[in-house]
Amino acid sequence: MAKFIPLVVFVISVSAQAQIFQNPFGGSAEKKVAESPALEKVLAELEALEVNGGFEDRYRTLSIEIERQLDLKRGDCGESLANKTDKQRCFRNIVSAHKRYLERGFSLKKVYLQKLHERQLTALEEAKTKALSELERQF
């Protein structure tokens, strides 16, 4: 037991030293959390997405990636920022990014559903015309 205590103290001091020397001025971690270029890139891809062939798969892929990036950013905000105002700003940025994601997602889904509905109505009209022509042909 006596040998175990100095070992624990050594490991804790090395860990603390590593944290101090890893980021002595605290600037890069805060900058990384505030910027989040990966999240911005995926949101920009979502905003540029058009409703056409392959829309469902691409939208699903982008949604999964956006959710992953938002989770990563939430973790960064909670862990690496010590200042309360920086944390609040970081979480506000997350909320605004999530809002952009939801608004664009719902507008894309609305357009997609409208196109599907138009196709279904066209198919229904064609089925009606075909059924009426079959009926006329039989009699």
C-alpha atoms as a PDB file:
ATOM      1  CA  MET A   1       0.000   0.000   0.000  1.00  0.00           C
ATOM      2  CA  ALA A   2       2.852   2.376   0.820  1.00  0.00           C
ATOM      3  CA  LYS A   3       4.292   1.902  -2.685  1.00  0.00           C
ATOM      4  CA  PHE A   4       0.899   2.459  -4.279  1.00  0.00           C
ATOM      5  CA  ILE A   5       0.359   5.990  -2.900  1.00  0.00           C
ATOM      6  CA  PRO A   6       3.515   7.537  -4.424  1.00  0.00           C
ATOM      7  CA  LEU A   7       2.632   5.888  -7.724  1.00  0.00           C
ATOM      8  CA  VAL A   8      -0.844   7.465  -7.695  1.00  0.00           C
ATOM      9  CA  VAL A   9       0.624  10.876  -6.822  1.00  0.00           C
ATOM     10  CA  PHE A  10       3.123  10.538  -9.665  1.00  0.00           C
ATOM     11  CA  VAL A  11       0.418   9.632 -12.213  1.00  0.00           C
ATOM     12  CA  ILE A  12      -1.785  12.546 -11.123  1.00  0.00           C
ATOM     13  CA  SER A  13       1.082  15.032 -11.302  1.00  0.00           C
ATOM     14  CA  VAL A  14       2.097  13.814 -14.771  1.00  0.00           C
ATOM     15  CA  SER A  15      -1.507  14.124 -15.914  1.00  0.00           C
ATOM     16  CA  ALA A  16      -1.761  17.680 -14.550  1.00  0.00           C
ATOM     17  CA  GLN A  17       1.537  18.624 -16.156  1.00  0.00           C
ATOM     18  CA  ALA A  18       0.411  17.232 -19.490  1.00  0.00           C
ATOM     19  CA  GLN A  19      -2.757  19.318 -19.352  1.00  0.00           C
ATOM     20  CA  ILE A  20      -0.836  22.481 -18.492  1.00  0.00           C
ATOM     21  CA  PHE A  21       1.739  22.039 -21.252  1.00  0.00           C
ATOM     22  CA  GLN A  22      -0.787  20.871 -23.800  1.00  0.00           C
ATOM     23  CA  ASN A  23      -2.541  24.241 -23.859  1.00  0.00           C
ATOM     24  CA  PRO A  24      -0.688  26.776 -21.678  1.00  0.00           C
ATOM     25  CA  PHE A  25      -2.652  29.852 -22.836  1.00  0.00           C
ATOM     26  CA  GLY A  26      -6.087  28.265 -23.329  1.00  0.00           C
ATOM     27  CA  GLY A  27      -6.647  29.838 -26.742  1.00  0.00           C
ATOM     28  CA  SER A  28      -6.776  26.956 -29.183  1.00  0.00           C
ATOM     29  CA  ALA A  29      -9.411  24.845 -27.398  1.00  0.00           C
ATOM     30  CA  GLU A  30     -11.793  27.786 -27.121  1.00  0.00           C
ATOM     31  CA  LYS A  31     -11.146  28.728 -30.727  1.00  0.00           C
ATOM     32  CA  LYS A  32     -11.788  25.154 -31.870  1.00  0.00           C
ATOM     33  CA  VAL A  33     -15.107  24.997 -30.035  1.00  0.00           C
ATOM     34  CA  ALA A  34     -16.290  28.373 -31.287  1.00  0.00           C
ATOM     35  CA  GLU A  35     -15.451  27.741 -34.939  1.00  0.00           C
ATOM     36  CA  SER A  36     -16.491  24.120 -35.585  1.00  0.00           C
ATOM     37  CA  PRO A  37     -15.726  24.091 -39.328  1.00  0.00           C
ATOM     38  CA  ALA A  38     -16.896  20.499 -39.747  1.00  0.00           C
ATOM     39  CA  LEU A  39     -20.383  21.393 -38.512  1.00  0.00           C
ATOM     40  CA  GLU A  40     -20.527  24.473 -40.733  1.00  0.00           C
ATOM     41  CA  LYS A  41     -19.437  22.411 -43.748  1.00  0.00           C
ATOM     42  CA  VAL A  42     -22.178  19.814 -43.228  1.00  0.00           C
ATOM     43  CA  LEU A  43     -24.812  22.508 -42.619  1.00  0.00           C
ATOM     44  CA  ALA A  44     -23.753  24.228 -45.840  1.00  0.00           C
ATOM     45  CA  GLU A  45     -24.111  20.926 -47.697  1.00  0.00           C
ATOM     46  CA  LEU A  46     -27.612  20.534 -46.266  1.00  0.00           C
ATOM     47  CA  GLU A  47     -28.554  24.052 -47.323  1.00  0.00           C
ATOM     48  CA  ALA A  48     -27.324  23.351 -50.865  1.00  0.00           C
ATOM     49  CA  LEU A  49     -29.131  20.000 -51.063  1.00  0.00           C
ATOM     50  CA  GLU A  50     -31.773  19.733 -53.780  1.00  0.00           C
ATOM     51  CA  VAL A  51     -34.757  17.417 -53.875  1.00  0.00           C
ATOM     52  CA  ASN A  52     -33.959  15.066 -56.761  1.00  0.00           C
ATOM     53  CA  GLY A  53     -32.748  11.524 -57.304  1.00  0.00           C
ATOM     54  CA  GLY A  54     -30.948  10.099 -54.294  1.00  0.00           C
ATOM     55  CA  PHE A  55     -32.352  12.765 -51.990  1.00  0.00           C
ATOM     56  CA  GLU A  56     -33.477  10.347 -49.269  1.00  0.00           C
ATOM     57  CA  ASP A  57     -30.074   8.702 -48.828  1.00  0.00           C
ATOM     58  CA  ARG A  58     -28.121  11.944 -48.980  1.00  0.00           C
ATOM     59  CA  TYR A  59     -30.467  13.652 -46.496  1.00  0.00           C
ATOM     60  CA  ARG A  60     -30.204  10.710 -44.098  1.00  0.00           C
ATOM     61  CA  THR A  61     -26.399  10.749 -44.318  1.00  0.00           C
ATOM     62  CA  LEU A  62     -26.213  14.505 -43.728  1.00  0.00           C
ATOM     63  CA  SER A  63     -28.649  14.295 -40.807  1.00  0.00           C
ATOM     64  CA  ILE A  64     -26.577  11.631 -39.089  1.00  0.00           C
ATOM     65  CA  GLU A  65     -23.394  13.660 -39.578  1.00  0.00           C
ATOM     66  CA  ILE A  66     -25.016  16.884 -38.325  1.00  0.00           C
ATOM     67  CA  GLU A  67     -26.317  15.126 -35.206  1.00  0.00           C
ATOM     68  CA  ARG A  68     -22.840  13.691 -34.594  1.00  0.00           C
ATOM     69  CA  GLN A  69     -21.179  17.082 -35.010  1.00  0.00           C
ATOM     70  CA  LEU A  70     -23.720  18.713 -32.667  1.00  0.00           C
ATOM     71  CA  ASP A  71     -23.043  16.055 -30.035  1.00  0.00           C
ATOM     72  CA  LEU A  72     -19.288  16.599 -30.362  1.00  0.00           C
ATOM     73  CA  LYS A  73     -19.704  20.333 -30.024  1.00  0.00           C
ATOM     74  CA  ARG A  74     -21.951  19.904 -26.956  1.00  0.00           C
ATOM     75  CA  GLY A  75     -19.221  17.827 -25.340  1.00  0.00           C
ATOM     76  CA  ASP A  76     -16.572  20.398 -26.200  1.00  0.00           C
ATOM     77  CA  CYS A  77     -18.663  23.210 -24.726  1.00  0.00           C
ATOM     78  CA  GLY A  78     -19.275  21.330 -21.508  1.00  0.00           C
ATOM     79  CA  GLU A  79     -15.719  20.124 -20.982  1.00  0.00           C
ATOM     80  CA  SER A  80     -13.155  22.528 -22.340  1.00  0.00           C
ATOM     81  CA  LEU A  81     -14.589  25.951 -21.506  1.00  0.00           C
ATOM     82  CA  ALA A  82     -14.089  27.186 -17.970  1.00  0.00           C
ATOM     83  CA  ASN A  83     -15.578  30.662 -18.403  1.00  0.00           C
ATOM     84  CA  LYS A  84     -19.365  30.772 -17.917  1.00  0.00           C
ATOM     85  CA  THR A  85     -19.939  33.377 -20.640  1.00  0.00           C
ATOM     86  CA  ASP A  86     -17.898  31.328 -23.129  1.00  0.00           C
ATOM     87  CA  LYS A  87     -19.984  28.266 -22.295  1.00  0.00           C
ATOM     88  CA  GLN A  88     -23.204  30.222 -22.778  1.00  0.00           C
ATOM     89  CA  ARG A  89     -21.979  31.587 -26.101  1.00  0.00           C
ATOM     90  CA  CYS A  90     -20.931  28.113 -27.185  1.00  0.00           C
ATOM     91  CA  PHE A  91     -24.325  26.629 -26.316  1.00  0.00           C
ATOM     92  CA  ARG A  92     -26.104  29.499 -28.088  1.00  0.00           C
ATOM     93  CA  ASN A  93     -24.063  28.677 -31.189  1.00  0.00           C
ATOM     94  CA  ILE A  94     -25.162  25.047 -30.874  1.00  0.00           C
ATOM     95  CA  VAL A  95     -28.805  26.087 -30.585  1.00  0.00           C
ATOM     96  CA  SER A  96     -28.576  28.355 -33.637  1.00  0.00           C
ATOM     97  CA  ALA A  97     -26.879  25.601 -35.681  1.00  0.00           C
ATOM     98  CA  HIS A  98     -29.509  23.090 -34.573  1.00  0.00           C
ATOM     99  CA  LYS A  99     -32.235  25.568 -35.506  1.00  0.00           C
ATOM    100  CA  ARG A 100     -30.715  25.994 -38.997  1.00  0.00           C
ATOM    101  CA  TYR A 101     -30.620  22.217 -39.356  1.00  0.00           C
ATOM    102  CA  LEU A 102     -34.254  21.774 -38.321  1.00  0.00           C
ATOM    103  CA  GLU A 103     -35.599  24.622 -40.458  1.00  0.00           C
ATOM    104  CA  ARG A 104     -33.782  23.501 -43.604  1.00  0.00           C
ATOM    105  CA  GLY A 105     -34.666  19.865 -42.946  1.00  0.00           C
ATOM    106  CA  PHE A 106     -38.361  20.600 -42.628  1.00  0.00           C
ATOM    107  CA  SER A 107     -38.413  22.768 -45.735  1.00  0.00           C
ATOM    108  CA  LEU A 108     -36.647  20.030 -47.733  1.00  0.00           C
ATOM    109  CA  LYS A 109     -39.032  17.389 -46.421  1.00  0.00           C
ATOM    110  CA  LYS A 110     -42.008  19.568 -47.346  1.00  0.00           C
ATOM    111  CA  VAL A 111     -40.800  19.961 -50.940  1.00  0.00           C
ATOM    112  CA  TYR A 112     -40.036  16.242 -51.121  1.00  0.00           C
ATOM    113  CA  LEU A 113     -43.498  15.285 -49.856  1.00  0.00           C
ATOM    114  CA  GLN A 114     -45.143  17.695 -52.296  1.00  0.00           C
ATOM    115  CA  LYS A 115     -43.273  16.069 -55.189  1.00  0.00           C
ATOM    116  CA  LEU A 116     -44.267  12.613 -53.980  1.00  0.00           C
ATOM    117  CA  HIS A 117     -47.869  13.742 -53.684  1.00  0.00           C
ATOM    118  CA  GLU A 118     -47.835  15.144 -57.217  1.00  0.00           C
ATOM    119  CA  ARG A 119     -46.486  11.832 -58.538  1.00  0.00           C
ATOM    120  CA  GLN A 120     -49.154   9.903 -56.666  1.00  0.00           C
ATOM    121  CA  LEU A 121     -51.909  12.165 -57.993  1.00  0.00           C
ATOM    122  CA  THR A 122     -50.587  11.753 -61.522  1.00  0.00           C
ATOM    123  CA  ALA A 123     -50.491   7.964 -61.115  1.00  0.00           C
ATOM    124  CA  LEU A 124     -54.033   8.012 -59.714  1.00  0.00           C
ATOM    125  CA  GLU A 125     -55.284  10.084 -62.650  1.00  0.00           C
ATOM    126  CA  GLU A 126     -53.604   7.679 -65.083  1.00  0.00           C
ATOM    127  CA  ALA A 127     -55.187   4.696 -63.310  1.00  0.00           C
ATOM    128  CA  LYS A 128     -58.613   6.379 -63.522  1.00  0.00           C
ATOM    129  CA  THR A 129     -58.182   7.089 -67.236  1.00  0.00           C
ATOM    130  CA  LYS A 130     -57.040   3.519 -67.885  1.00  0.00           C
ATOM    131  CA  ALA A 131     -59.953   2.049 -65.908  1.00  0.00           C
ATOM    132  CA  LEU A 132     -62.480   4.218 -67.765  1.00  0.00           C
ATOM    133  CA  SER A 133     -60.996   3.312 -71.157  1.00  0.00           C
ATOM    134  CA  GLU A 134     -61.099  -0.392 -70.237  1.00  0.00           C
ATOM    135  CA  LEU A 135     -64.725  -0.031 -69.244  1.00  0.00           C
ATOM    136  CA  GLU A 136     -65.586   1.737 -72.504  1.00  0.00           C
ATOM    137  CA  ARG A 137     -63.732  -0.876 -74.527  1.00  0.00           C
ATOM    138  CA  GLN A 138     -65.581  -3.748 -72.862  1.00  0.00           C
ATOM    139  CA  PHE A 139     -69.017  -2.360 -73.700  1.00  0.00           C
END
